[in-house]
């Protein structure tokens, strides 16, 4: 996928989301930090941190989250495929 192109803009593309779980995140890690750190590995579709919902979760002092990478594959045009004799 070219820089700045979405899967919808490519005529012959199969797009997938590759989601990774992140555990044991420090409380000061936010979405912007994850985008910066993981963005160097490929295009990011989304980032989500599961913030503590109650006092028990806050006492643990750690969060978890998800980073979803956008992965696309260009499909070969039929004219590129050779036929076996």
C-alpha atoms as a PDB file:
ATOM      1  CA  UNK A   1       0.000   0.000   0.000  1.00  0.00           C
ATOM      2  CA  UNK A   2       1.504   3.287  -1.009  1.00  0.00           C
ATOM      3  CA  UNK A   3       1.998   6.054   1.496  1.00  0.00           C
ATOM      4  CA  UNK A   4      -1.308   7.789   2.133  1.00  0.00           C
ATOM      5  CA  UNK A   5      -3.462   5.169   0.394  1.00  0.00           C
ATOM      6  CA  UNK A   6      -6.201   3.290   2.170  1.00  0.00           C
ATOM      7  CA  UNK A   7      -7.314  -0.229   1.331  1.00  0.00           C
ATOM      8  CA  UNK A   8     -10.476   1.187  -0.247  1.00  0.00           C
ATOM      9  CA  UNK A   9      -8.399   3.187  -2.754  1.00  0.00           C
ATOM     10  CA  UNK A  10      -6.632   0.117  -4.156  1.00  0.00           C
ATOM     11  CA  UNK A  11      -8.540  -1.771  -6.813  1.00  0.00           C
ATOM     12  CA  UNK A  12      -6.894  -5.165  -6.253  1.00  0.00           C
ATOM     13  CA  UNK A  13      -6.123  -5.297  -2.546  1.00  0.00           C
ATOM     14  CA  UNK A  14      -6.978  -7.632   0.281  1.00  0.00           C
ATOM     15  CA  UNK A  15      -6.794  -5.823   3.598  1.00  0.00           C
ATOM     16  CA  UNK A  16      -6.475  -7.306   7.044  1.00  0.00           C
ATOM     17  CA  UNK A  17      -6.026  -5.988  10.548  1.00  0.00           C
ATOM     18  CA  UNK A  18      -3.274  -7.560  12.618  1.00  0.00           C
ATOM     19  CA  UNK A  19      -4.133  -6.804  16.264  1.00  0.00           C
ATOM     20  CA  UNK A  20      -1.552  -7.161  19.040  1.00  0.00           C
ATOM     21  CA  UNK A  21      -2.291  -7.269  22.772  1.00  0.00           C
ATOM     22  CA  UNK A  22      -0.028  -5.171  24.996  1.00  0.00           C
ATOM     23  CA  UNK A  23       0.107  -5.989  28.675  1.00  0.00           C
ATOM     24  CA  UNK A  24       1.828  -4.488  31.701  1.00  0.00           C
ATOM     25  CA  UNK A  25       1.745  -0.907  30.382  1.00  0.00           C
ATOM     26  CA  UNK A  26       2.891   1.806  32.775  1.00  0.00           C
ATOM     27  CA  UNK A  27       0.078   4.202  33.800  1.00  0.00           C
ATOM     28  CA  UNK A  28       1.766   7.125  32.007  1.00  0.00           C
ATOM     29  CA  UNK A  29       1.760   5.354  28.602  1.00  0.00           C
ATOM     30  CA  UNK A  30      -0.919   6.868  26.375  1.00  0.00           C
ATOM     31  CA  UNK A  31      -2.139   6.366  22.805  1.00  0.00           C
ATOM     32  CA  UNK A  32       0.316   8.905  21.377  1.00  0.00           C
ATOM     33  CA  UNK A  33       3.284   7.045  22.862  1.00  0.00           C
ATOM     34  CA  UNK A  34       2.056   3.744  21.406  1.00  0.00           C
ATOM     35  CA  UNK A  35       1.519   5.351  17.977  1.00  0.00           C
ATOM     36  CA  UNK A  36       5.080   6.700  18.021  1.00  0.00           C
ATOM     37  CA  UNK A  37       6.682   3.469  19.222  1.00  0.00           C
ATOM     38  CA  UNK A  38       4.740   1.002  17.047  1.00  0.00           C
ATOM     39  CA  UNK A  39       4.224   3.242  14.017  1.00  0.00           C
ATOM     40  CA  UNK A  40       7.748   2.509  12.806  1.00  0.00           C
ATOM     41  CA  UNK A  41       6.703  -1.110  12.147  1.00  0.00           C
ATOM     42  CA  UNK A  42       3.905  -0.265   9.730  1.00  0.00           C
ATOM     43  CA  UNK A  43       0.658   1.619   9.260  1.00  0.00           C
ATOM     44  CA  UNK A  44      -1.486   1.711  12.396  1.00  0.00           C
ATOM     45  CA  UNK A  45      -5.249   1.281  12.075  1.00  0.00           C
ATOM     46  CA  UNK A  46      -6.065   1.916  15.726  1.00  0.00           C
ATOM     47  CA  UNK A  47      -4.670   2.110  19.242  1.00  0.00           C
ATOM     48  CA  UNK A  48      -6.684   1.428  22.388  1.00  0.00           C
ATOM     49  CA  UNK A  49      -5.615   1.521  26.021  1.00  0.00           C
ATOM     50  CA  UNK A  50      -7.904  -0.157  28.519  1.00  0.00           C
ATOM     51  CA  UNK A  51      -7.922   2.435  31.290  1.00  0.00           C
ATOM     52  CA  UNK A  52      -8.755   1.316  34.870  1.00  0.00           C
ATOM     53  CA  UNK A  53     -12.482   1.268  35.565  1.00  0.00           C
ATOM     54  CA  UNK A  54     -12.403   0.876  39.327  1.00  0.00           C
ATOM     55  CA  UNK A  55     -10.145   1.360  42.338  1.00  0.00           C
ATOM     56  CA  UNK A  56      -8.932  -2.249  42.314  1.00  0.00           C
ATOM     57  CA  UNK A  57      -7.628  -1.914  38.767  1.00  0.00           C
ATOM     58  CA  UNK A  58      -5.985   1.443  39.600  1.00  0.00           C
ATOM     59  CA  UNK A  59      -4.148  -0.139  42.576  1.00  0.00           C
ATOM     60  CA  UNK A  60      -2.477  -2.635  40.231  1.00  0.00           C
ATOM     61  CA  UNK A  61      -0.681   0.298  38.614  1.00  0.00           C
ATOM     62  CA  UNK A  62      -0.573  -1.294  35.160  1.00  0.00           C
ATOM     63  CA  UNK A  63      -2.776  -1.086  32.082  1.00  0.00           C
ATOM     64  CA  UNK A  64      -3.192  -3.125  28.938  1.00  0.00           C
ATOM     65  CA  UNK A  65      -4.067  -2.182  25.390  1.00  0.00           C
ATOM     66  CA  UNK A  66      -4.189  -3.102  21.732  1.00  0.00           C
ATOM     67  CA  UNK A  67      -2.429  -1.897  18.590  1.00  0.00           C
ATOM     68  CA  UNK A  68      -3.990  -2.796  15.237  1.00  0.00           C
ATOM     69  CA  UNK A  69      -1.746  -2.763  12.173  1.00  0.00           C
ATOM     70  CA  UNK A  70      -3.232  -2.390   8.692  1.00  0.00           C
ATOM     71  CA  UNK A  71      -1.856  -5.088   6.397  1.00  0.00           C
ATOM     72  CA  UNK A  72      -2.663  -5.221   2.691  1.00  0.00           C
ATOM     73  CA  UNK A  73      -1.742  -7.545  -0.117  1.00  0.00           C
ATOM     74  CA  UNK A  74      -1.925  -6.568  -3.775  1.00  0.00           C
ATOM     75  CA  UNK A  75      -3.497  -9.290  -5.851  1.00  0.00           C
ATOM     76  CA  UNK A  76      -1.897 -10.278  -9.140  1.00  0.00           C
ATOM     77  CA  UNK A  77      -3.663  -9.174 -12.312  1.00  0.00           C
ATOM     78  CA  UNK A  78      -4.828 -12.118 -14.449  1.00  0.00           C
ATOM     79  CA  UNK A  79      -2.638 -10.916 -17.312  1.00  0.00           C
ATOM     80  CA  UNK A  80       0.432 -11.441 -15.104  1.00  0.00           C
ATOM     81  CA  UNK A  81      -0.335 -15.105 -14.588  1.00  0.00           C
ATOM     82  CA  UNK A  82       1.320 -17.461 -17.021  1.00  0.00           C
ATOM     83  CA  UNK A  83      -0.343 -20.649 -18.257  1.00  0.00           C
ATOM     84  CA  UNK A  84       1.348 -24.005 -18.115  1.00  0.00           C
ATOM     85  CA  UNK A  85       1.424 -26.040 -21.321  1.00  0.00           C
END
